Amino acid sequence: MEKIKKPQLRDFEFAKKQDYETQDLINKEKPYLLDVFDRFRKKKSAKFALYIIIFVIFMSLIVPTFSTRKFDDQNTDHAYLTPKVPIIENLGILDGKQYGNDIYKEKGALGTHYIFGTDSLGRDLWVRTWKGAQISLYMALLAIIIDLVIGVSYGLISGFYGGKVDMIMQRFIEVLNGIPDTVIVTLLVLILNPGIVSITLALVIKGWIGMSRVTRAQVLKLKGQEFVLASRTLGSSNFKLIFKEILPNIIGQLIVMSMFSIPSAIFTEAFLAFIGLGLAAPQASLGVLINDGFKSFLSSPYMTIIPTALLSILMFSFNILADGLRDAFDPTMKDR
């Protein structure tokens, strides 16, 4: 019988730690808002649109405030002067000449510069245009406030409680939405004077309907989810369910929706001013400037082109910004 050989120490080797043991790598998730910010930074077009909006805000606050000319100052001797920009005039463009004639010299305005020219009453369009941009930005801010206060509240209540409450609230919206905006503004103008107040009330009456429907749809989608049911089982009140469980999960979509409503509000003000139901001269808004310039479009096209261009750029920038925010808030766009 063979003798069993005892194992020697050299027959065994100590296993290295990495051979039998793995280390779990813990990746910390970034905060949601930081993740949204990182995705937004990758959207070059949205960032560029944001820079344009910031520039317009800056100019609309600085120019009318610190300019030596006021937006309603009149000087009929300087009427219909074409744009003239310092330094650039030396290049042969924006030099105040029209059809080869030096209009500034003919009207005794040598040494004077009007960057955007003047209107039929000699008012400085540079100051009036940026004053008009203030009105457009006011409409943008008003649209956001109305959407997030009235529209979101209405949609949360309608979607969360459902049943008869939802049916009554939705029928009210359908009736209200069936009334044309122009009819509402016309009725307000008959009661009030044409101006920013009537436009503000018109937006308060109907401007929140789209947001309320989006909010209601999101609430209907989430209120049956497990985390909401679990919170209800633990005894949470309806107020807590709405504002702690549901609203934080849809706030991103609501912010994006409110951004998309801004161009519509800006255009509404400009359109109503253009047809005479909004602000009127000597007040300045982009719609008023376009209306005034349209009357002299053939002889002085700059009076229409400049405010129209600024209005288009502003609306386009808000649309691009809203598109970038939508992609940033949408988790499905994370890896794209």
C-alpha atoms as a PDB file:
ATOM      1  CA  MET A   1       0.000   0.000   0.000  1.00  0.00           C
ATOM      2  CA  GLU A   2       1.403   3.276  -1.102  1.00  0.00           C
ATOM      3  CA  LYS A   3       2.099   5.896   1.399  1.00  0.00           C
ATOM      4  CA  ILE A   4       0.107   9.128   0.915  1.00  0.00           C
ATOM      5  CA  LYS A   5       2.363  12.011   0.283  1.00  0.00           C
ATOM      6  CA  LYS A   6       1.804  14.896   2.591  1.00  0.00           C
ATOM      7  CA  PRO A   7       1.368  18.206   0.835  1.00  0.00           C
ATOM      8  CA  GLN A   8       4.262  20.533   1.017  1.00  0.00           C
ATOM      9  CA  LEU A   9       3.907  24.254   1.561  1.00  0.00           C
ATOM     10  CA  ARG A  10       5.265  24.879  -1.899  1.00  0.00           C
ATOM     11  CA  ASP A  11       2.359  22.944  -3.378  1.00  0.00           C
ATOM     12  CA  PHE A  12       0.006  25.786  -2.402  1.00  0.00           C
ATOM     13  CA  GLU A  13       0.011  29.413  -3.380  1.00  0.00           C
ATOM     14  CA  PHE A  14      -1.918  32.195  -1.801  1.00  0.00           C
ATOM     15  CA  ALA A  15      -4.573  33.466  -4.177  1.00  0.00           C
ATOM     16  CA  LYS A  16      -4.397  37.111  -5.020  1.00  0.00           C
ATOM     17  CA  LYS A  17      -7.299  39.221  -3.904  1.00  0.00           C
ATOM     18  CA  GLN A  18      -8.389  40.170  -7.420  1.00  0.00           C
ATOM     19  CA  ASP A  19      -8.572  36.506  -8.414  1.00  0.00           C
ATOM     20  CA  TYR A  20     -11.556  35.699  -6.234  1.00  0.00           C
ATOM     21  CA  GLU A  21     -12.980  39.000  -5.140  1.00  0.00           C
ATOM     22  CA  THR A  22     -14.420  41.830  -7.185  1.00  0.00           C
ATOM     23  CA  GLN A  23     -14.997  45.342  -6.055  1.00  0.00           C
ATOM     24  CA  ASP A  24     -18.263  47.049  -6.798  1.00  0.00           C
ATOM     25  CA  LEU A  25     -17.803  50.429  -8.339  1.00  0.00           C
ATOM     26  CA  ILE A  26     -20.445  52.812  -7.097  1.00  0.00           C
ATOM     27  CA  ASN A  27     -21.378  55.511  -9.572  1.00  0.00           C
ATOM     28  CA  LYS A  28     -23.084  58.378  -7.870  1.00  0.00           C
ATOM     29  CA  GLU A  29     -26.005  59.774  -9.819  1.00  0.00           C
ATOM     30  CA  LYS A  30     -25.821  63.455 -10.555  1.00  0.00           C
ATOM     31  CA  PRO A  31     -28.655  65.620  -9.222  1.00  0.00           C
ATOM     32  CA  TYR A  32     -31.517  65.917 -11.698  1.00  0.00           C
ATOM     33  CA  LEU A  33     -31.190  69.665 -12.253  1.00  0.00           C
ATOM     34  CA  LEU A  34     -27.433  69.356 -12.757  1.00  0.00           C
ATOM     35  CA  ASP A  35     -28.046  66.609 -15.298  1.00  0.00           C
ATOM     36  CA  VAL A  36     -30.561  68.846 -17.082  1.00  0.00           C
ATOM     37  CA  PHE A  37     -28.038  71.697 -17.104  1.00  0.00           C
ATOM     38  CA  ASP A  38     -25.325  69.452 -18.569  1.00  0.00           C
ATOM     39  CA  ARG A  39     -27.607  68.303 -21.373  1.00  0.00           C
ATOM     40  CA  PHE A  40     -28.686  71.872 -22.082  1.00  0.00           C
ATOM     41  CA  ARG A  41     -25.061  73.020 -22.379  1.00  0.00           C
ATOM     42  CA  LYS A  42     -24.588  70.558 -25.235  1.00  0.00           C
ATOM     43  CA  LYS A  43     -27.339  72.269 -27.234  1.00  0.00           C
ATOM     44  CA  LYS A  44     -25.402  74.985 -29.044  1.00  0.00           C
ATOM     45  CA  SER A  45     -28.448  76.393 -30.824  1.00  0.00           C
ATOM     46  CA  ALA A  46     -30.387  76.699 -27.553  1.00  0.00           C
ATOM     47  CA  LYS A  47     -27.455  78.429 -25.852  1.00  0.00           C
ATOM     48  CA  PHE A  48     -27.131  80.867 -28.749  1.00  0.00           C
ATOM     49  CA  ALA A  49     -30.873  81.605 -28.549  1.00  0.00           C
ATOM     50  CA  LEU A  50     -30.521  82.235 -24.812  1.00  0.00           C
ATOM     51  CA  TYR A  51     -27.674  84.692 -25.451  1.00  0.00           C
ATOM     52  CA  ILE A  52     -29.844  86.571 -27.951  1.00  0.00           C
ATOM     53  CA  ILE A  53     -32.709  86.807 -25.449  1.00  0.00           C
ATOM     54  CA  ILE A  54     -30.344  88.062 -22.748  1.00  0.00           C
ATOM     55  CA  PHE A  55     -28.965  90.660 -25.180  1.00  0.00           C
ATOM     56  CA  VAL A  56     -32.479  91.870 -26.052  1.00  0.00           C
ATOM     57  CA  ILE A  57     -33.377  92.099 -22.355  1.00  0.00           C
ATOM     58  CA  PHE A  58     -30.210  94.075 -21.656  1.00  0.00           C
ATOM     59  CA  MET A  59     -30.735  96.498 -24.542  1.00  0.00           C
ATOM     60  CA  SER A  60     -34.432  97.008 -23.777  1.00  0.00           C
ATOM     61  CA  LEU A  61     -33.571  97.996 -20.220  1.00  0.00           C
ATOM     62  CA  ILE A  62     -30.503 100.132 -20.922  1.00  0.00           C
ATOM     63  CA  VAL A  63     -31.319 102.062 -24.108  1.00  0.00           C
ATOM     64  CA  PRO A  64     -34.697 103.640 -23.149  1.00  0.00           C
ATOM     65  CA  THR A  65     -33.413 104.426 -19.650  1.00  0.00           C
ATOM     66  CA  PHE A  66     -30.081 106.070 -20.419  1.00  0.00           C
ATOM     67  CA  SER A  67     -30.616 107.487 -23.901  1.00  0.00           C
ATOM     68  CA  THR A  68     -30.636 111.273 -24.210  1.00  0.00           C
ATOM     69  CA  ARG A  69     -33.687 110.969 -26.464  1.00  0.00           C
ATOM     70  CA  LYS A  70     -37.002 109.671 -25.142  1.00  0.00           C
ATOM     71  CA  PHE A  71     -39.187 107.280 -27.085  1.00  0.00           C
ATOM     72  CA  ASP A  72     -41.943 109.899 -27.525  1.00  0.00           C
ATOM     73  CA  ASP A  73     -39.755 112.970 -28.268  1.00  0.00           C
ATOM     74  CA  GLN A  74     -40.799 114.572 -31.547  1.00  0.00           C
ATOM     75  CA  ASN A  75     -38.729 116.644 -33.983  1.00  0.00           C
ATOM     76  CA  THR A  76     -40.575 117.073 -37.258  1.00  0.00           C
ATOM     77  CA  ASP A  77     -37.500 118.702 -38.847  1.00  0.00           C
ATOM     78  CA  HIS A  78     -35.794 115.302 -38.610  1.00  0.00           C
ATOM     79  CA  ALA A  79     -38.682 113.247 -39.990  1.00  0.00           C
ATOM     80  CA  TYR A  80     -37.961 110.245 -42.233  1.00  0.00           C
ATOM     81  CA  LEU A  81     -34.201 110.222 -41.676  1.00  0.00           C
ATOM     82  CA  THR A  82     -32.663 106.927 -42.777  1.00  0.00           C
ATOM     83  CA  PRO A  83     -30.388 104.907 -40.462  1.00  0.00           C
ATOM     84  CA  LYS A  84     -26.948 106.393 -39.877  1.00  0.00           C
ATOM     85  CA  VAL A  85     -24.390 104.570 -37.720  1.00  0.00           C
ATOM     86  CA  PRO A  86     -21.103 106.098 -36.530  1.00  0.00           C
ATOM     87  CA  ILE A  87     -17.905 104.533 -37.954  1.00  0.00           C
ATOM     88  CA  ILE A  88     -19.897 102.191 -40.212  1.00  0.00           C
ATOM     89  CA  GLU A  89     -21.010 105.212 -42.249  1.00  0.00           C
ATOM     90  CA  ASN A  90     -17.396 105.517 -43.457  1.00  0.00           C
ATOM     91  CA  LEU A  91     -17.818 102.200 -45.282  1.00  0.00           C
ATOM     92  CA  GLY A  92     -20.544 103.641 -47.485  1.00  0.00           C
ATOM     93  CA  ILE A  93     -23.380 101.771 -45.772  1.00  0.00           C
ATOM     94  CA  LEU A  94     -25.875 103.058 -43.193  1.00  0.00           C
ATOM     95  CA  ASP A  95     -24.570 106.536 -43.931  1.00  0.00           C
ATOM     96  CA  GLY A  96     -27.909 108.371 -43.928  1.00  0.00           C
ATOM     97  CA  LYS A  97     -28.108 108.676 -47.711  1.00  0.00           C
ATOM     98  CA  GLN A  98     -31.198 107.798 -49.726  1.00  0.00           C
ATOM     99  CA  TYR A  99     -31.084 107.407 -53.495  1.00  0.00           C
ATOM    100  CA  GLY A 100     -27.697 109.148 -53.454  1.00  0.00           C
ATOM    101  CA  ASN A 101     -28.982 112.186 -51.554  1.00  0.00           C
ATOM    102  CA  ASP A 102     -27.643 113.108 -48.124  1.00  0.00           C
ATOM    103  CA  ILE A 103     -30.932 113.435 -46.239  1.00  0.00           C
ATOM    104  CA  TYR A 104     -29.193 114.559 -43.056  1.00  0.00           C
ATOM    105  CA  LYS A 105     -27.561 117.477 -44.876  1.00  0.00           C
ATOM    106  CA  GLU A 106     -30.814 118.497 -46.556  1.00  0.00           C
ATOM    107  CA  LYS A 107     -32.643 118.617 -43.203  1.00  0.00           C
ATOM    108  CA  GLY A 108     -29.854 120.325 -41.304  1.00  0.00           C
ATOM    109  CA  ALA A 109     -29.019 117.309 -39.179  1.00  0.00           C
ATOM    110  CA  LEU A 110     -25.295 117.068 -39.912  1.00  0.00           C
ATOM    111  CA  GLY A 111     -23.389 115.621 -36.977  1.00  0.00           C
ATOM    112  CA  THR A 112     -26.497 113.803 -35.771  1.00  0.00           C
ATOM    113  CA  HIS A 113     -26.823 110.026 -35.863  1.00  0.00           C
ATOM    114  CA  TYR A 114     -29.993 107.967 -35.765  1.00  0.00           C
ATOM    115  CA  ILE A 115     -28.953 104.322 -35.713  1.00  0.00           C
ATOM    116  CA  PHE A 116     -32.395 103.041 -36.779  1.00  0.00           C
ATOM    117  CA  GLY A 117     -33.521 106.273 -38.435  1.00  0.00           C
ATOM    118  CA  THR A 118     -36.606 108.329 -37.536  1.00  0.00           C
ATOM    119  CA  ASP A 119     -40.332 108.023 -38.196  1.00  0.00           C
ATOM    120  CA  SER A 120     -42.844 110.463 -39.682  1.00  0.00           C
ATOM    121  CA  LEU A 121     -42.716 112.677 -36.572  1.00  0.00           C
ATOM    122  CA  GLY A 122     -38.954 112.621 -36.179  1.00  0.00           C
ATOM    123  CA  ARG A 123     -38.977 110.208 -33.253  1.00  0.00           C
ATOM    124  CA  ASP A 124     -35.826 108.151 -32.750  1.00  0.00           C
ATOM    125  CA  LEU A 125     -36.574 104.573 -33.865  1.00  0.00           C
ATOM    126  CA  TRP A 126     -33.522 103.248 -32.011  1.00  0.00           C
ATOM    127  CA  VAL A 127     -35.106 104.172 -28.680  1.00  0.00           C
ATOM    128  CA  ARG A 128     -38.649 103.310 -29.768  1.00  0.00           C
ATOM    129  CA  THR A 129     -37.638  99.864 -31.005  1.00  0.00           C
ATOM    130  CA  TRP A 130     -36.015  98.876 -27.717  1.00  0.00           C
ATOM    131  CA  LYS A 131     -38.937 100.404 -25.836  1.00  0.00           C
ATOM    132  CA  GLY A 132     -41.184  98.179 -27.934  1.00  0.00           C
ATOM    133  CA  ALA A 133     -39.027  95.189 -27.018  1.00  0.00           C
ATOM    134  CA  GLN A 134     -39.893  95.920 -23.374  1.00  0.00           C
ATOM    135  CA  ILE A 135     -43.550  95.321 -24.183  1.00  0.00           C
ATOM    136  CA  SER A 136     -42.728  92.042 -25.936  1.00  0.00           C
ATOM    137  CA  LEU A 137     -40.675  90.868 -22.947  1.00  0.00           C
ATOM    138  CA  TYR A 138     -43.500  91.909 -20.635  1.00  0.00           C
ATOM    139  CA  MET A 139     -45.832  89.707 -22.683  1.00  0.00           C
ATOM    140  CA  ALA A 140     -43.329  86.852 -22.379  1.00  0.00           C
ATOM    141  CA  LEU A 141     -43.189  87.198 -18.594  1.00  0.00           C
ATOM    142  CA  LEU A 142     -46.963  87.528 -18.399  1.00  0.00           C
ATOM    143  CA  ALA A 143     -47.440  84.360 -20.458  1.00  0.00           C
ATOM    144  CA  ILE A 144     -45.173  82.379 -18.099  1.00  0.00           C
ATOM    145  CA  ILE A 145     -46.952  83.667 -14.969  1.00  0.00           C
ATOM    146  CA  ILE A 146     -50.425  82.966 -16.359  1.00  0.00           C
ATOM    147  CA  ASP A 147     -49.448  79.470 -17.498  1.00  0.00           C
ATOM    148  CA  LEU A 148     -47.725  78.441 -14.279  1.00  0.00           C
ATOM    149  CA  VAL A 149     -50.284  79.982 -11.905  1.00  0.00           C
ATOM    150  CA  ILE A 150     -53.703  79.690 -13.556  1.00  0.00           C
ATOM    151  CA  GLY A 151     -53.115  76.955 -16.133  1.00  0.00           C
ATOM    152  CA  VAL A 152     -51.174  74.576 -13.880  1.00  0.00           C
ATOM    153  CA  SER A 153     -53.568  75.023 -10.935  1.00  0.00           C
ATOM    154  CA  TYR A 154     -56.625  74.434 -13.117  1.00  0.00           C
ATOM    155  CA  GLY A 155     -55.100  71.369 -14.756  1.00  0.00           C
ATOM    156  CA  LEU A 156     -53.948  69.859 -11.444  1.00  0.00           C
ATOM    157  CA  ILE A 157     -57.409  70.143  -9.893  1.00  0.00           C
ATOM    158  CA  SER A 158     -59.221  68.883 -12.982  1.00  0.00           C
ATOM    159  CA  GLY A 159     -56.941  65.909 -13.558  1.00  0.00           C
ATOM    160  CA  PHE A 160     -56.488  64.848  -9.928  1.00  0.00           C
ATOM    161  CA  TYR A 161     -60.114  64.869  -8.780  1.00  0.00           C
ATOM    162  CA  GLY A 162     -61.592  63.629 -12.063  1.00  0.00           C
ATOM    163  CA  GLY A 163     -65.228  62.558 -12.277  1.00  0.00           C
ATOM    164  CA  LYS A 164     -67.852  65.280 -12.211  1.00  0.00           C
ATOM    165  CA  VAL A 165     -65.296  67.904 -11.224  1.00  0.00           C
ATOM    166  CA  ASP A 166     -63.222  67.143 -14.309  1.00  0.00           C
ATOM    167  CA  MET A 167     -66.282  67.028 -16.562  1.00  0.00           C
ATOM    168  CA  ILE A 168     -67.584  70.427 -15.418  1.00  0.00           C
ATOM    169  CA  MET A 169     -64.159  72.077 -15.626  1.00  0.00           C
ATOM    170  CA  GLN A 170     -63.470  70.716 -19.106  1.00  0.00           C
ATOM    171  CA  ARG A 171     -66.872  71.799 -20.429  1.00  0.00           C
ATOM    172  CA  PHE A 172     -66.154  75.305 -19.127  1.00  0.00           C
ATOM    173  CA  ILE A 173     -62.830  75.318 -21.013  1.00  0.00           C
ATOM    174  CA  GLU A 174     -64.527  74.174 -24.229  1.00  0.00           C
ATOM    175  CA  VAL A 175     -67.069  77.006 -24.021  1.00  0.00           C
ATOM    176  CA  LEU A 176     -64.374  79.570 -23.230  1.00  0.00           C
ATOM    177  CA  ASN A 177     -62.090  78.293 -25.981  1.00  0.00           C
ATOM    178  CA  GLY A 178     -64.905  78.635 -28.501  1.00  0.00           C
ATOM    179  CA  ILE A 179     -64.906  82.425 -28.119  1.00  0.00           C
ATOM    180  CA  PRO A 180     -62.435  84.033 -30.576  1.00  0.00           C
ATOM    181  CA  ASP A 181     -59.604  86.058 -29.071  1.00  0.00           C
ATOM    182  CA  THR A 182     -60.448  89.059 -31.224  1.00  0.00           C
ATOM    183  CA  VAL A 183     -64.006  89.142 -29.863  1.00  0.00           C
ATOM    184  CA  ILE A 184     -62.744  89.134 -26.269  1.00  0.00           C
ATOM    185  CA  VAL A 185     -60.219  91.907 -26.953  1.00  0.00           C
ATOM    186  CA  THR A 186     -62.842  93.985 -28.812  1.00  0.00           C
ATOM    187  CA  LEU A 187     -65.240  93.729 -25.877  1.00  0.00           C
ATOM    188  CA  LEU A 188     -62.466  94.733 -23.489  1.00  0.00           C
ATOM    189  CA  VAL A 189     -61.567  97.705 -25.697  1.00  0.00           C
ATOM    190  CA  LEU A 190     -65.191  98.872 -25.580  1.00  0.00           C
ATOM    191  CA  ILE A 191     -65.041  98.813 -21.789  1.00  0.00           C
ATOM    192  CA  LEU A 192     -61.449  99.936 -21.360  1.00  0.00           C
ATOM    193  CA  ASN A 193     -59.181 102.086 -23.485  1.00  0.00           C
ATOM    194  CA  PRO A 194     -56.995 100.246 -26.027  1.00  0.00           C
ATOM    195  CA  GLY A 195     -53.726  99.429 -24.357  1.00  0.00           C
ATOM    196  CA  ILE A 196     -51.695  96.955 -22.415  1.00  0.00           C
ATOM    197  CA  VAL A 197     -54.440  96.457 -19.797  1.00  0.00           C
ATOM    198  CA  SER A 198     -56.943  95.067 -22.297  1.00  0.00           C
ATOM    199  CA  ILE A 199     -54.328  92.709 -23.779  1.00  0.00           C
ATOM    200  CA  THR A 200     -53.309  91.552 -20.293  1.00  0.00           C
ATOM    201  CA  LEU A 201     -56.917  90.767 -19.377  1.00  0.00           C
ATOM    202  CA  ALA A 202     -57.393  88.924 -22.662  1.00  0.00           C
ATOM    203  CA  LEU A 203     -54.434  86.672 -21.867  1.00  0.00           C
ATOM    204  CA  VAL A 204     -55.694  86.133 -18.317  1.00  0.00           C
ATOM    205  CA  ILE A 205     -59.062  85.043 -19.705  1.00  0.00           C
ATOM    206  CA  LYS A 206     -57.819  82.570 -22.339  1.00  0.00           C
ATOM    207  CA  GLY A 207     -54.034  82.362 -22.336  1.00  0.00           C
ATOM    208  CA  TRP A 208     -53.850  79.472 -19.849  1.00  0.00           C
ATOM    209  CA  ILE A 209     -56.120  76.958 -21.600  1.00  0.00           C
ATOM    210  CA  GLY A 210     -53.351  75.108 -23.447  1.00  0.00           C
ATOM    211  CA  MET A 211     -51.253  74.739 -20.300  1.00  0.00           C
ATOM    212  CA  SER A 212     -54.224  73.446 -18.289  1.00  0.00           C
ATOM    213  CA  ARG A 213     -54.833  70.686 -20.826  1.00  0.00           C
ATOM    214  CA  VAL A 214     -51.200  69.598 -20.817  1.00  0.00           C
ATOM    215  CA  THR A 215     -51.144  69.594 -17.006  1.00  0.00           C
ATOM    216  CA  ARG A 216     -54.369  67.587 -16.822  1.00  0.00           C
ATOM    217  CA  ALA A 217     -52.994  64.963 -19.232  1.00  0.00           C
ATOM    218  CA  GLN A 218     -49.809  64.575 -17.189  1.00  0.00           C
ATOM    219  CA  VAL A 219     -51.754  64.256 -13.922  1.00  0.00           C
ATOM    220  CA  LEU A 220     -54.050  61.606 -15.390  1.00  0.00           C
ATOM    221  CA  LYS A 221     -50.972  59.657 -16.450  1.00  0.00           C
ATOM    222  CA  LEU A 222     -49.265  59.813 -13.054  1.00  0.00           C
ATOM    223  CA  LYS A 223     -52.021  59.685 -10.445  1.00  0.00           C
ATOM    224  CA  GLY A 224     -52.454  55.927 -10.904  1.00  0.00           C
ATOM    225  CA  GLN A 225     -48.740  55.154 -10.585  1.00  0.00           C
ATOM    226  CA  GLU A 226     -47.462  52.981  -7.718  1.00  0.00           C
ATOM    227  CA  PHE A 227     -45.575  55.735  -5.897  1.00  0.00           C
ATOM    228  CA  VAL A 228     -48.726  57.888  -5.731  1.00  0.00           C
ATOM    229  CA  LEU A 229     -50.857  54.963  -4.543  1.00  0.00           C
ATOM    230  CA  ALA A 230     -48.220  54.090  -1.922  1.00  0.00           C
ATOM    231  CA  SER A 231     -48.218  57.655  -0.635  1.00  0.00           C
ATOM    232  CA  ARG A 232     -52.015  57.646  -0.480  1.00  0.00           C
ATOM    233  CA  THR A 233     -51.940  54.349   1.441  1.00  0.00           C
ATOM    234  CA  LEU A 234     -49.599  55.905   3.995  1.00  0.00           C
ATOM    235  CA  GLY A 235     -52.212  58.566   4.655  1.00  0.00           C
ATOM    236  CA  SER A 236     -50.988  61.493   2.586  1.00  0.00           C
ATOM    237  CA  SER A 237     -53.530  64.241   1.998  1.00  0.00           C
ATOM    238  CA  ASN A 238     -54.675  65.278  -1.464  1.00  0.00           C
ATOM    239  CA  PHE A 239     -52.667  68.507  -1.143  1.00  0.00           C
ATOM    240  CA  LYS A 240     -49.500  66.541  -0.394  1.00  0.00           C
ATOM    241  CA  LEU A 241     -50.153  64.092  -3.221  1.00  0.00           C
ATOM    242  CA  ILE A 242     -50.564  66.929  -5.722  1.00  0.00           C
ATOM    243  CA  PHE A 243     -47.691  69.169  -4.694  1.00  0.00           C
ATOM    244  CA  LYS A 244     -45.182  66.632  -3.384  1.00  0.00           C
ATOM    245  CA  GLU A 245     -45.721  63.520  -5.487  1.00  0.00           C
ATOM    246  CA  ILE A 246     -47.216  64.623  -8.828  1.00  0.00           C
ATOM    247  CA  LEU A 247     -46.128  68.217  -9.481  1.00  0.00           C
ATOM    248  CA  PRO A 248     -42.350  67.643  -9.025  1.00  0.00           C
ATOM    249  CA  ASN A 249     -42.525  64.867 -11.626  1.00  0.00           C
ATOM    250  CA  ILE A 250     -44.166  67.033 -14.292  1.00  0.00           C
ATOM    251  CA  ILE A 251     -42.599  70.433 -13.613  1.00  0.00           C
ATOM    252  CA  GLY A 252     -40.053  69.958 -16.397  1.00  0.00           C
ATOM    253  CA  GLN A 253     -42.725  69.426 -19.045  1.00  0.00           C
ATOM    254  CA  LEU A 254     -44.690  72.397 -17.722  1.00  0.00           C
ATOM    255  CA  ILE A 255     -41.690  74.725 -17.913  1.00  0.00           C
ATOM    256  CA  VAL A 256     -41.067  73.662 -21.501  1.00  0.00           C
ATOM    257  CA  MET A 257     -44.729  74.155 -22.390  1.00  0.00           C
ATOM    258  CA  SER A 258     -44.717  77.636 -20.882  1.00  0.00           C
ATOM    259  CA  MET A 259     -41.670  78.531 -22.980  1.00  0.00           C
ATOM    260  CA  PHE A 260     -43.487  77.442 -26.135  1.00  0.00           C
ATOM    261  CA  SER A 261     -46.420  79.726 -25.250  1.00  0.00           C
ATOM    262  CA  ILE A 262     -44.208  82.841 -25.141  1.00  0.00           C
ATOM    263  CA  PRO A 263     -43.904  83.396 -28.935  1.00  0.00           C
ATOM    264  CA  SER A 264     -47.681  83.107 -29.247  1.00  0.00           C
ATOM    265  CA  ALA A 265     -48.196  85.777 -26.562  1.00  0.00           C
ATOM    266  CA  ILE A 266     -45.647  88.100 -28.204  1.00  0.00           C
ATOM    267  CA  PHE A 267     -47.257  87.687 -31.600  1.00  0.00           C
ATOM    268  CA  THR A 268     -50.741  88.268 -30.139  1.00  0.00           C
ATOM    269  CA  GLU A 269     -49.700  91.646 -28.746  1.00  0.00           C
ATOM    270  CA  ALA A 270     -48.011  92.661 -32.002  1.00  0.00           C
ATOM    271  CA  PHE A 271     -51.019  91.579 -34.078  1.00  0.00           C
ATOM    272  CA  LEU A 272     -53.545  93.401 -31.883  1.00  0.00           C
ATOM    273  CA  ALA A 273     -51.414  96.545 -31.951  1.00  0.00           C
ATOM    274  CA  PHE A 274     -51.118  96.261 -35.727  1.00  0.00           C
ATOM    275  CA  ILE A 275     -54.910  96.159 -36.214  1.00  0.00           C
ATOM    276  CA  GLY A 276     -55.471  98.963 -33.699  1.00  0.00           C
ATOM    277  CA  LEU A 277     -56.731  96.959 -30.715  1.00  0.00           C
ATOM    278  CA  GLY A 278     -53.539  97.131 -28.678  1.00  0.00           C
ATOM    279  CA  LEU A 279     -51.217  99.938 -27.756  1.00  0.00           C
ATOM    280  CA  ALA A 280     -51.524 103.153 -29.740  1.00  0.00           C
ATOM    281  CA  ALA A 281     -49.097 105.965 -30.503  1.00  0.00           C
ATOM    282  CA  PRO A 282     -47.233 107.655 -28.930  1.00  0.00           C
ATOM    283  CA  GLN A 283     -46.742 104.439 -26.946  1.00  0.00           C
ATOM    284  CA  ALA A 284     -44.202 102.118 -28.510  1.00  0.00           C
ATOM    285  CA  SER A 285     -44.499  98.404 -29.097  1.00  0.00           C
ATOM    286  CA  LEU A 286     -43.190  96.343 -31.977  1.00  0.00           C
ATOM    287  CA  GLY A 287     -46.732  96.010 -33.319  1.00  0.00           C
ATOM    288  CA  VAL A 288     -47.236  99.784 -33.206  1.00  0.00           C
ATOM    289  CA  LEU A 289     -43.920 100.382 -34.968  1.00  0.00           C
ATOM    290  CA  ILE A 290     -44.750  97.855 -37.690  1.00  0.00           C
ATOM    291  CA  ASN A 291     -48.157  99.480 -38.184  1.00  0.00           C
ATOM    292  CA  ASP A 292     -46.630 102.960 -38.444  1.00  0.00           C
ATOM    293  CA  GLY A 293     -43.900 101.795 -40.801  1.00  0.00           C
ATOM    294  CA  PHE A 294     -46.321  99.881 -43.008  1.00  0.00           C
ATOM    295  CA  LYS A 295     -47.977 103.137 -44.023  1.00  0.00           C
ATOM    296  CA  SER A 296     -44.665 104.377 -45.456  1.00  0.00           C
ATOM    297  CA  PHE A 297     -43.201 101.061 -46.549  1.00  0.00           C
ATOM    298  CA  LEU A 298     -42.464 102.067 -50.147  1.00  0.00           C
ATOM    299  CA  SER A 299     -40.627 105.300 -49.284  1.00  0.00           C
ATOM    300  CA  SER A 300     -39.097 104.282 -45.921  1.00  0.00           C
ATOM    301  CA  PRO A 301     -38.927 100.467 -45.719  1.00  0.00           C
ATOM    302  CA  TYR A 302     -36.519 100.561 -42.750  1.00  0.00           C
ATOM    303  CA  MET A 303     -39.419 101.674 -40.523  1.00  0.00           C
ATOM    304  CA  THR A 304     -41.069  98.280 -41.037  1.00  0.00           C
ATOM    305  CA  ILE A 305     -38.077  96.023 -41.588  1.00  0.00           C
ATOM    306  CA  ILE A 306     -36.260  96.826 -38.319  1.00  0.00           C
ATOM    307  CA  PRO A 307     -39.103  96.135 -35.817  1.00  0.00           C
ATOM    308  CA  THR A 308     -40.257  93.147 -37.875  1.00  0.00           C
ATOM    309  CA  ALA A 309     -36.750  91.678 -37.815  1.00  0.00           C
ATOM    310  CA  LEU A 310     -36.458  92.147 -34.048  1.00  0.00           C
ATOM    311  CA  LEU A 311     -39.893  90.598 -33.492  1.00  0.00           C
ATOM    312  CA  SER A 312     -38.999  87.600 -35.671  1.00  0.00           C
ATOM    313  CA  ILE A 313     -35.619  87.110 -33.975  1.00  0.00           C
ATOM    314  CA  LEU A 314     -37.206  87.269 -30.526  1.00  0.00           C
ATOM    315  CA  MET A 315     -39.961  84.768 -31.353  1.00  0.00           C
ATOM    316  CA  PHE A 316     -37.523  82.443 -33.117  1.00  0.00           C
ATOM    317  CA  SER A 317     -35.099  82.570 -30.168  1.00  0.00           C
ATOM    318  CA  PHE A 318     -37.797  81.618 -27.664  1.00  0.00           C
ATOM    319  CA  ASN A 319     -38.830  78.712 -29.891  1.00  0.00           C
ATOM    320  CA  ILE A 320     -35.249  77.422 -30.153  1.00  0.00           C
ATOM    321  CA  LEU A 321     -34.745  77.870 -26.396  1.00  0.00           C
ATOM    322  CA  ALA A 322     -37.940  75.951 -25.655  1.00  0.00           C
ATOM    323  CA  ASP A 323     -36.830  73.170 -27.995  1.00  0.00           C
ATOM    324  CA  GLY A 324     -33.483  72.924 -26.199  1.00  0.00           C
ATOM    325  CA  LEU A 325     -35.162  72.854 -22.778  1.00  0.00           C
ATOM    326  CA  ARG A 326     -37.487  70.092 -23.956  1.00  0.00           C
ATOM    327  CA  ASP A 327     -34.528  67.939 -24.946  1.00  0.00           C
ATOM    328  CA  ALA A 328     -32.726  68.737 -21.682  1.00  0.00           C
ATOM    329  CA  PHE A 329     -35.676  67.832 -19.465  1.00  0.00           C
ATOM    330  CA  ASP A 330     -36.487  64.668 -21.442  1.00  0.00           C
ATOM    331  CA  PRO A 331     -34.504  61.728 -19.968  1.00  0.00           C
ATOM    332  CA  THR A 332     -34.899  59.755 -23.207  1.00  0.00           C
ATOM    333  CA  MET A 333     -32.663  62.337 -24.908  1.00  0.00           C
ATOM    334  CA  LYS A 334     -29.820  61.709 -22.440  1.00  0.00           C
ATOM    335  CA  ASP A 335     -27.735  59.470 -24.670  1.00  0.00           C
ATOM    336  CA  ARG A 336     -28.504  61.171 -27.975  1.00  0.00           C
END
